[in-house]
PDB file of N, CA and C in Angstrom:
ATOM      1  N   MET A   1      -7.604  14.114  16.776  1.00  0.00           N
ATOM      2  CA  MET A   1      -8.238  14.733  17.903  1.00  0.00           C
ATOM      3  C   MET A   1      -8.027  16.236  17.828  1.00  0.00           C
ATOM      4  N   ILE A   2      -9.059  16.977  18.098  1.00  0.00           N
ATOM      5  CA  ILE A   2      -8.975  18.436  18.094  1.00  0.00           C
ATOM      6  C   ILE A   2      -8.685  18.908  19.506  1.00  0.00           C
ATOM      7  N   ARG A   3      -7.665  19.688  19.644  1.00  0.00           N
ATOM      8  CA  ARG A   3      -7.314  20.259  20.945  1.00  0.00           C
ATOM      9  C   ARG A   3      -7.923  21.656  21.036  1.00  0.00           C
ATOM     10  N   VAL A   4      -8.514  21.944  22.164  1.00  0.00           N
ATOM     11  CA  VAL A   4      -9.116  23.255  22.378  1.00  0.00           C
ATOM     12  C   VAL A   4      -8.316  23.954  23.461  1.00  0.00           C
ATOM     13  N   VAL A   5      -7.803  25.140  23.141  1.00  0.00           N
ATOM     14  CA  VAL A   5      -7.048  25.911  24.125  1.00  0.00           C
ATOM     15  C   VAL A   5      -8.035  26.563  25.096  1.00  0.00           C
ATOM     16  N   PRO A   6      -7.581  26.902  26.299  1.00  0.00           N
ATOM     17  CA  PRO A   6      -8.497  27.434  27.317  1.00  0.00           C
ATOM     18  C   PRO A   6      -9.359  28.607  26.852  1.00  0.00           C
ATOM     19  N   ALA A   7      -8.811  29.525  26.092  1.00  0.00           N
ATOM     20  CA  ALA A   7      -9.607  30.668  25.632  1.00  0.00           C
ATOM     21  C   ALA A   7     -10.741  30.209  24.713  1.00  0.00           C
ATOM     22  N   GLU A   8     -10.455  29.249  23.833  1.00  0.00           N
ATOM     23  CA  GLU A   8     -11.492  28.716  22.945  1.00  0.00           C
ATOM     24  C   GLU A   8     -12.543  27.950  23.745  1.00  0.00           C
ATOM     25  N   MET A   9     -12.102  27.236  24.786  1.00  0.00           N
ATOM     26  CA  MET A   9     -13.025  26.477  25.617  1.00  0.00           C
ATOM     27  C   MET A   9     -14.004  27.425  26.325  1.00  0.00           C
ATOM     28  N   GLU A  10     -13.489  28.525  26.854  1.00  0.00           N
ATOM     29  CA  GLU A  10     -14.360  29.496  27.521  1.00  0.00           C
ATOM     30  C   GLU A  10     -15.369  30.087  26.541  1.00  0.00           C
ATOM     31  N   GLN A  11     -14.938  30.385  25.328  1.00  0.00           N
ATOM     32  CA  GLN A  11     -15.846  30.921  24.311  1.00  0.00           C
ATOM     33  C   GLN A  11     -16.911  29.903  23.942  1.00  0.00           C
ATOM     34  N   LEU A  12     -16.489  28.656  23.752  1.00  0.00           N
ATOM     35  CA  LEU A  12     -17.438  27.600  23.402  1.00  0.00           C
ATOM     36  C   LEU A  12     -18.441  27.380  24.531  1.00  0.00           C
ATOM     37  N   LEU A  13     -17.974  27.353  25.762  1.00  0.00           N
ATOM     38  CA  LEU A  13     -18.892  27.194  26.889  1.00  0.00           C
ATOM     39  C   LEU A  13     -19.871  28.352  26.976  1.00  0.00           C
ATOM     40  N   ALA A  14     -19.405  29.559  26.704  1.00  0.00           N
ATOM     41  CA  ALA A  14     -20.302  30.722  26.720  1.00  0.00           C
ATOM     42  C   ALA A  14     -21.392  30.565  25.663  1.00  0.00           C
ATOM     43  N   GLU A  15     -21.056  29.956  24.529  1.00  0.00           N
ATOM     44  CA  GLU A  15     -22.043  29.721  23.479  1.00  0.00           C
ATOM     45  C   GLU A  15     -22.968  28.563  23.833  1.00  0.00           C
ATOM     46  N   LEU A  16     -22.447  27.544  24.524  1.00  0.00           N
ATOM     47  CA  LEU A  16     -23.226  26.351  24.836  1.00  0.00           C
ATOM     48  C   LEU A  16     -24.160  26.514  26.030  1.00  0.00           C
ATOM     49  N   LEU A  17     -23.718  27.186  27.062  1.00  0.00           N
ATOM     50  CA  LEU A  17     -24.489  27.219  28.309  1.00  0.00           C
ATOM     51  C   LEU A  17     -25.916  27.727  28.158  1.00  0.00           C
ATOM     52  N   PRO A  18     -26.188  28.743  27.340  1.00  0.00           N
ATOM     53  CA  PRO A  18     -27.587  29.155  27.201  1.00  0.00           C
ATOM     54  C   PRO A  18     -28.487  28.056  26.627  1.00  0.00           C
ATOM     55  N   TRP A  19     -27.903  27.090  25.955  1.00  0.00           N
ATOM     56  CA  TRP A  19     -28.666  26.001  25.339  1.00  0.00           C
ATOM     57  C   TRP A  19     -28.713  24.761  26.238  1.00  0.00           C
ATOM     58  N   SER A  20     -28.046  24.816  27.373  1.00  0.00           N
ATOM     59  CA  SER A  20     -27.896  23.642  28.231  1.00  0.00           C
ATOM     60  C   SER A  20     -29.003  23.545  29.266  1.00  0.00           C
ATOM     61  N   GLU A  21     -29.345  22.308  29.610  1.00  0.00           N
ATOM     62  CA  GLU A  21     -30.319  22.020  30.654  1.00  0.00           C
ATOM     63  C   GLU A  21     -29.830  20.827  31.461  1.00  0.00           C
ATOM     64  N   THR A  22     -30.360  20.695  32.662  1.00  0.00           N
ATOM     65  CA  THR A  22     -30.051  19.544  33.496  1.00  0.00           C
ATOM     66  C   THR A  22     -31.076  18.450  33.231  1.00  0.00           C
ATOM     67  N   TRP A  23     -30.618  17.216  33.077  1.00  0.00           N
ATOM     68  CA  TRP A  23     -31.514  16.081  32.855  1.00  0.00           C
ATOM     69  C   TRP A  23     -31.506  15.220  34.109  1.00  0.00           C
ATOM     70  N   ARG A  24     -32.665  15.027  34.721  1.00  0.00           N
ATOM     71  CA  ARG A  24     -32.754  14.268  35.970  1.00  0.00           C
ATOM     72  C   ARG A  24     -33.603  13.001  35.840  1.00  0.00           C
ATOM     73  N   GLN A  25     -33.993  12.656  34.653  1.00  0.00           N
ATOM     74  CA  GLN A  25     -34.823  11.478  34.417  1.00  0.00           C
ATOM     75  C   GLN A  25     -33.934  10.260  34.133  1.00  0.00           C
ATOM     76  N   PRO A  26     -34.505   9.062  34.212  1.00  0.00           N
ATOM     77  CA  PRO A  26     -33.722   7.860  33.873  1.00  0.00           C
ATOM     78  C   PRO A  26     -33.304   7.877  32.396  1.00  0.00           C
ATOM     79  N   LEU A  27     -32.169   7.272  32.135  1.00  0.00           N
ATOM     80  CA  LEU A  27     -31.698   7.146  30.755  1.00  0.00           C
ATOM     81  C   LEU A  27     -32.274   5.886  30.136  1.00  0.00           C
ATOM     82  N   GLU A  28     -32.746   6.033  28.917  1.00  0.00           N
ATOM     83  CA  GLU A  28     -33.223   4.887  28.157  1.00  0.00           C
ATOM     84  C   GLU A  28     -32.074   4.387  27.289  1.00  0.00           C
ATOM     85  N   PRO A  29     -31.710   3.111  27.402  1.00  0.00           N
ATOM     86  CA  PRO A  29     -30.644   2.594  26.535  1.00  0.00           C
ATOM     87  C   PRO A  29     -31.049   2.705  25.065  1.00  0.00           C
ATOM     88  N   SER A  30     -30.141   3.197  24.262  1.00  0.00           N
ATOM     89  CA  SER A  30     -30.399   3.390  22.838  1.00  0.00           C
ATOM     90  C   SER A  30     -30.116   2.126  22.054  1.00  0.00           C
ATOM     91  N   GLN A  31     -30.846   1.952  20.952  1.00  0.00           N
ATOM     92  CA  GLN A  31     -30.558   0.872  20.013  1.00  0.00           C
ATOM     93  C   GLN A  31     -29.263   1.171  19.262  1.00  0.00           C
ATOM     94  N   LEU A  32     -28.981   2.467  19.079  1.00  0.00           N
ATOM     95  CA  LEU A  32     -27.777   2.911  18.385  1.00  0.00           C
ATOM     96  C   LEU A  32     -26.577   2.721  19.302  1.00  0.00           C
ATOM     97  N   ARG A  33     -25.521   2.147  18.802  1.00  0.00           N
ATOM     98  CA  ARG A  33     -24.349   1.847  19.604  1.00  0.00           C
ATOM     99  C   ARG A  33     -23.148   2.662  19.160  1.00  0.00           C
ATOM    100  N   CYS A  34     -22.458   3.203  20.138  1.00  0.00           N
ATOM    101  CA  CYS A  34     -21.216   3.930  19.916  1.00  0.00           C
ATOM    102  C   CYS A  34     -20.066   2.919  19.943  1.00  0.00           C
ATOM    103  N   ARG A  35     -19.039   3.170  19.154  1.00  0.00           N
ATOM    104  CA  ARG A  35     -17.889   2.249  19.109  1.00  0.00           C
ATOM    105  C   ARG A  35     -17.212   2.116  20.471  1.00  0.00           C
ATOM    106  N   ASP A  36     -17.176   3.207  21.217  1.00  0.00           N
ATOM    107  CA  ASP A  36     -16.530   3.222  22.529  1.00  0.00           C
ATOM    108  C   ASP A  36     -17.610   3.149  23.604  1.00  0.00           C
ATOM    109  N   ARG A  37     -17.633   2.065  24.347  1.00  0.00           N
ATOM    110  CA  ARG A  37     -18.673   1.867  25.363  1.00  0.00           C
ATOM    111  C   ARG A  37     -18.714   3.001  26.380  1.00  0.00           C
ATOM    112  N   LYS A  38     -17.553   3.631  26.668  1.00  0.00           N
ATOM    113  CA  LYS A  38     -17.517   4.719  27.643  1.00  0.00           C
ATOM    114  C   LYS A  38     -18.257   5.958  27.142  1.00  0.00           C
ATOM    115  N   ASP A  39     -18.447   6.086  25.842  1.00  0.00           N
ATOM    116  CA  ASP A  39     -19.157   7.229  25.268  1.00  0.00           C
ATOM    117  C   ASP A  39     -20.651   6.981  25.139  1.00  0.00           C
ATOM    118  N   GLN A  40     -21.071   5.744  25.328  1.00  0.00           N
ATOM    119  CA  GLN A  40     -22.483   5.397  25.141  1.00  0.00           C
ATOM    120  C   GLN A  40     -23.409   6.217  26.029  1.00  0.00           C
ATOM    121  N   VAL A  41     -22.973   6.518  27.244  1.00  0.00           N
ATOM    122  CA  VAL A  41     -23.808   7.280  28.167  1.00  0.00           C
ATOM    123  C   VAL A  41     -24.166   8.656  27.592  1.00  0.00           C
ATOM    124  N   PHE A  42     -23.254   9.278  26.862  1.00  0.00           N
ATOM    125  CA  PHE A  42     -23.537  10.591  26.280  1.00  0.00           C
ATOM    126  C   PHE A  42     -24.576  10.478  25.166  1.00  0.00           C
ATOM    127  N   LEU A  43     -24.478   9.431  24.384  1.00  0.00           N
ATOM    128  CA  LEU A  43     -25.460   9.193  23.332  1.00  0.00           C
ATOM    129  C   LEU A  43     -26.823   8.879  23.947  1.00  0.00           C
ATOM    130  N   ASP A  44     -26.842   8.001  24.944  1.00  0.00           N
ATOM    131  CA  ASP A  44     -28.102   7.655  25.609  1.00  0.00           C
ATOM    132  C   ASP A  44     -28.738   8.878  26.261  1.00  0.00           C
ATOM    133  N   LEU A  45     -27.924   9.715  26.874  1.00  0.00           N
ATOM    134  CA  LEU A  45     -28.442  10.938  27.500  1.00  0.00           C
ATOM    135  C   LEU A  45     -29.049  11.866  26.461  1.00  0.00           C
ATOM    136  N   ALA A  46     -28.348  12.085  25.372  1.00  0.00           N
ATOM    137  CA  ALA A  46     -28.852  12.972  24.321  1.00  0.00           C
ATOM    138  C   ALA A  46     -30.168  12.459  23.752  1.00  0.00           C
ATOM    139  N   LEU A  47     -30.256  11.159  23.530  1.00  0.00           N
ATOM    140  CA  LEU A  47     -31.483  10.591  22.982  1.00  0.00           C
ATOM    141  C   LEU A  47     -32.609  10.588  24.010  1.00  0.00           C
ATOM    142  N   SER A  48     -32.306  10.280  25.267  1.00  0.00           N
ATOM    143  CA  SER A  48     -33.331  10.283  26.318  1.00  0.00           C
ATOM    144  C   SER A  48     -33.904  11.678  26.527  1.00  0.00           C
ATOM    145  N   ALA A  49     -33.038  12.678  26.448  1.00  0.00           N
ATOM    146  CA  ALA A  49     -33.460  14.061  26.673  1.00  0.00           C
ATOM    147  C   ALA A  49     -34.028  14.712  25.420  1.00  0.00           C
ATOM    148  N   SER A  50     -34.002  14.004  24.298  1.00  0.00           N
ATOM    149  CA  SER A  50     -34.514  14.527  23.017  1.00  0.00           C
ATOM    150  C   SER A  50     -33.890  15.872  22.654  1.00  0.00           C
ATOM    151  N   VAL A  51     -32.577  15.954  22.798  1.00  0.00           N
ATOM    152  CA  VAL A  51     -31.889  17.193  22.448  1.00  0.00           C
ATOM    153  C   VAL A  51     -31.778  17.328  20.936  1.00  0.00           C
ATOM    154  N   ALA A  52     -31.621  18.548  20.479  1.00  0.00           N
ATOM    155  CA  ALA A  52     -31.474  18.791  19.044  1.00  0.00           C
ATOM    156  C   ALA A  52     -30.057  18.503  18.565  1.00  0.00           C
ATOM    157  N   VAL A  53     -29.080  18.776  19.439  1.00  0.00           N
ATOM    158  CA  VAL A  53     -27.673  18.669  19.044  1.00  0.00           C
ATOM    159  C   VAL A  53     -26.854  18.101  20.199  1.00  0.00           C
ATOM    160  N   LEU A  54     -25.966  17.176  19.873  1.00  0.00           N
ATOM    161  CA  LEU A  54     -24.957  16.692  20.811  1.00  0.00           C
ATOM    162  C   LEU A  54     -23.623  17.209  20.296  1.00  0.00           C
ATOM    163  N   VAL A  55     -22.973  18.078  21.061  1.00  0.00           N
ATOM    164  CA  VAL A  55     -21.694  18.664  20.656  1.00  0.00           C
ATOM    165  C   VAL A  55     -20.581  17.837  21.278  1.00  0.00           C
ATOM    166  N   SER A  56     -19.663  17.384  20.433  1.00  0.00           N
ATOM    167  CA  SER A  56     -18.581  16.537  20.915  1.00  0.00           C
ATOM    168  C   SER A  56     -17.359  16.678  20.020  1.00  0.00           C
ATOM    169  N   GLY A  57     -16.222  16.476  20.613  1.00  0.00           N
ATOM    170  CA  GLY A  57     -14.986  16.390  19.854  1.00  0.00           C
ATOM    171  C   GLY A  57     -14.506  14.956  19.776  1.00  0.00           C
ATOM    172  N   ASP A  58     -15.299  14.030  20.314  1.00  0.00           N
ATOM    173  CA  ASP A  58     -14.922  12.625  20.383  1.00  0.00           C
ATOM    174  C   ASP A  58     -15.149  11.933  19.038  1.00  0.00           C
ATOM    175  N   ALA A  59     -14.107  11.303  18.529  1.00  0.00           N
ATOM    176  CA  ALA A  59     -14.181  10.663  17.212  1.00  0.00           C
ATOM    177  C   ALA A  59     -15.218   9.544  17.163  1.00  0.00           C
ATOM    178  N   ASP A  60     -15.381   8.822  18.257  1.00  0.00           N
ATOM    179  CA  ASP A  60     -16.342   7.717  18.257  1.00  0.00           C
ATOM    180  C   ASP A  60     -17.779   8.224  18.187  1.00  0.00           C
ATOM    181  N   LEU A  61     -18.072   9.325  18.852  1.00  0.00           N
ATOM    182  CA  LEU A  61     -19.408   9.910  18.753  1.00  0.00           C
ATOM    183  C   LEU A  61     -19.588  10.594  17.397  1.00  0.00           C
ATOM    184  N   LEU A  62     -18.573  11.309  16.944  1.00  0.00           N
ATOM    185  CA  LEU A  62     -18.683  12.004  15.657  1.00  0.00           C
ATOM    186  C   LEU A  62     -18.838  11.021  14.500  1.00  0.00           C
ATOM    187  N   ALA A  63     -18.360   9.799  14.673  1.00  0.00           N
ATOM    188  CA  ALA A  63     -18.512   8.785  13.625  1.00  0.00           C
ATOM    189  C   ALA A  63     -19.984   8.473  13.380  1.00  0.00           C
ATOM    190  N   LEU A  64     -20.845   8.764  14.351  1.00  0.00           N
ATOM    191  CA  LEU A  64     -22.282   8.521  14.206  1.00  0.00           C
ATOM    192  C   LEU A  64     -22.987   9.642  13.443  1.00  0.00           C
ATOM    193  N   HIS A  65     -22.269  10.705  13.125  1.00  0.00           N
ATOM    194  CA  HIS A  65     -22.858  11.856  12.435  1.00  0.00           C
ATOM    195  C   HIS A  65     -23.569  11.449  11.147  1.00  0.00           C
ATOM    196  N   ASP A  66     -23.030  10.491  10.449  1.00  0.00           N
ATOM    197  CA  ASP A  66     -23.607  10.055   9.171  1.00  0.00           C
ATOM    198  C   ASP A  66     -24.895   9.252   9.332  1.00  0.00           C
ATOM    199  N   GLN A  67     -25.276   8.940  10.547  1.00  0.00           N
ATOM    200  CA  GLN A  67     -26.490   8.168  10.779  1.00  0.00           C
ATOM    201  C   GLN A  67     -27.753   8.987  10.520  1.00  0.00           C
ATOM    202  N   ARG A  68     -27.601  10.292  10.291  1.00  0.00           N
ATOM    203  CA  ARG A  68     -28.741  11.175  10.021  1.00  0.00           C
ATOM    204  C   ARG A  68     -29.808  11.024  11.093  1.00  0.00           C
ATOM    205  N   MET A  69     -29.358  11.135  12.303  1.00  0.00           N
ATOM    206  CA  MET A  69     -30.260  10.946  13.427  1.00  0.00           C
ATOM    207  C   MET A  69     -30.513  12.256  14.150  1.00  0.00           C
ATOM    208  N   VAL A  70     -31.471  12.238  15.000  1.00  0.00           N
ATOM    209  CA  VAL A  70     -31.701  13.341  15.931  1.00  0.00           C
ATOM    210  C   VAL A  70     -31.374  12.770  17.291  1.00  0.00           C
ATOM    211  N   PRO A  71     -30.436  13.340  17.992  1.00  0.00           N
ATOM    212  CA  PRO A  71     -29.835  14.641  17.725  1.00  0.00           C
ATOM    213  C   PRO A  71     -28.724  14.565  16.678  1.00  0.00           C
ATOM    214  N   ALA A  72     -28.468  15.707  16.085  1.00  0.00           N
ATOM    215  CA  ALA A  72     -27.295  15.804  15.223  1.00  0.00           C
ATOM    216  C   ALA A  72     -26.069  15.746  16.138  1.00  0.00           C
ATOM    217  N   ILE A  73     -25.044  15.050  15.726  1.00  0.00           N
ATOM    218  CA  ILE A  73     -23.805  14.995  16.507  1.00  0.00           C
ATOM    219  C   ILE A  73     -22.800  15.851  15.760  1.00  0.00           C
ATOM    220  N   LEU A  74     -22.423  16.959  16.395  1.00  0.00           N
ATOM    221  CA  LEU A  74     -21.602  17.966  15.728  1.00  0.00           C
ATOM    222  C   LEU A  74     -20.346  18.264  16.522  1.00  0.00           C
ATOM    223  N   ASP A  75     -19.269  18.589  15.800  1.00  0.00           N
ATOM    224  CA  ASP A  75     -18.092  19.104  16.477  1.00  0.00           C
ATOM    225  C   ASP A  75     -18.313  20.600  16.724  1.00  0.00           C
ATOM    226  N   ALA A  76     -17.380  21.245  17.399  1.00  0.00           N
ATOM    227  CA  ALA A  76     -17.557  22.642  17.792  1.00  0.00           C
ATOM    228  C   ALA A  76     -17.763  23.563  16.592  1.00  0.00           C
ATOM    229  N   ALA A  77     -17.010  23.356  15.509  1.00  0.00           N
ATOM    230  CA  ALA A  77     -17.135  24.225  14.333  1.00  0.00           C
ATOM    231  C   ALA A  77     -18.513  24.088  13.698  1.00  0.00           C
ATOM    232  N   ARG A  78     -18.985  22.854  13.540  1.00  0.00           N
ATOM    233  CA  ARG A  78     -20.320  22.663  12.963  1.00  0.00           C
ATOM    234  C   ARG A  78     -21.409  23.168  13.895  1.00  0.00           C
ATOM    235  N   PHE A  79     -21.182  23.059  15.212  1.00  0.00           N
ATOM    236  CA  PHE A  79     -22.156  23.586  16.167  1.00  0.00           C
ATOM    237  C   PHE A  79     -22.289  25.099  16.013  1.00  0.00           C
ATOM    238  N   ARG A  80     -21.175  25.791  15.833  1.00  0.00           N
ATOM    239  CA  ARG A  80     -21.236  27.253  15.666  1.00  0.00           C
ATOM    240  C   ARG A  80     -22.065  27.618  14.437  1.00  0.00           C
ATOM    241  N   VAL A  81     -21.902  26.869  13.350  1.00  0.00           N
ATOM    242  CA  VAL A  81     -22.702  27.103  12.137  1.00  0.00           C
ATOM    243  C   VAL A  81     -24.172  26.846  12.446  1.00  0.00           C
ATOM    244  N   TRP A  82     -24.469  25.725  13.110  1.00  0.00           N
ATOM    245  CA  TRP A  82     -25.850  25.390  13.480  1.00  0.00           C
ATOM    246  C   TRP A  82     -26.437  26.489  14.357  1.00  0.00           C
ATOM    247  N   LEU A  83     -25.645  26.959  15.318  1.00  0.00           N
ATOM    248  CA  LEU A  83     -26.111  27.976  16.258  1.00  0.00           C
ATOM    249  C   LEU A  83     -26.464  29.273  15.528  1.00  0.00           C
ATOM    250  N   GLN A  84     -25.668  29.656  14.550  1.00  0.00           N
ATOM    251  CA  GLN A  84     -25.945  30.873  13.793  1.00  0.00           C
ATOM    252  C   GLN A  84     -27.211  30.769  12.967  1.00  0.00           C
ATOM    253  N   GLN A  85     -27.622  29.551  12.655  1.00  0.00           N
ATOM    254  CA  GLN A  85     -28.836  29.344  11.846  1.00  0.00           C
ATOM    255  C   GLN A  85     -30.108  29.315  12.685  1.00  0.00           C
ATOM    256  N   GLN A  86     -29.958  29.328  14.017  1.00  0.00           N
ATOM    257  CA  GLN A  86     -31.127  29.250  14.890  1.00  0.00           C
ATOM    258  C   GLN A  86     -31.761  30.616  15.067  1.00  0.00           C
ATOM    259  N   PRO A  87     -33.081  30.673  15.215  1.00  0.00           N
ATOM    260  CA  PRO A  87     -33.745  31.956  15.444  1.00  0.00           C
ATOM    261  C   PRO A  87     -33.278  32.592  16.747  1.00  0.00           C
ATOM    262  N   GLN A  88     -33.183  33.872  16.752  1.00  0.00           N
ATOM    263  CA  GLN A  88     -32.796  34.592  17.965  1.00  0.00           C
ATOM    264  C   GLN A  88     -33.902  34.516  18.999  1.00  0.00           C
ATOM    265  N   ALA A  89     -33.512  34.269  20.247  1.00  0.00           N
ATOM    266  CA  ALA A  89     -34.509  34.171  21.324  1.00  0.00           C
ATOM    267  C   ALA A  89     -34.886  35.543  21.861  1.00  0.00           C
TER     268      ALA A  89
END
């Protein structure tokens, strides 16, 4: 498990918030299953909202990274790399 200290958390949130949106539609249950049932809601939300990236430090969600799916499931370090590759708004 990766521990994030408060200063790193604030930096990560500052990077994430411009990319964040509120989802108010119903969630569609995914065919893809997470090992931990409590994490399934995050996967279902990401897929229902058609997001490009799901950022997580959770090992059960990150285990799905190899599924080559959209959204990409990335940890914070990989998200920063992905973010740097995106066109400037």
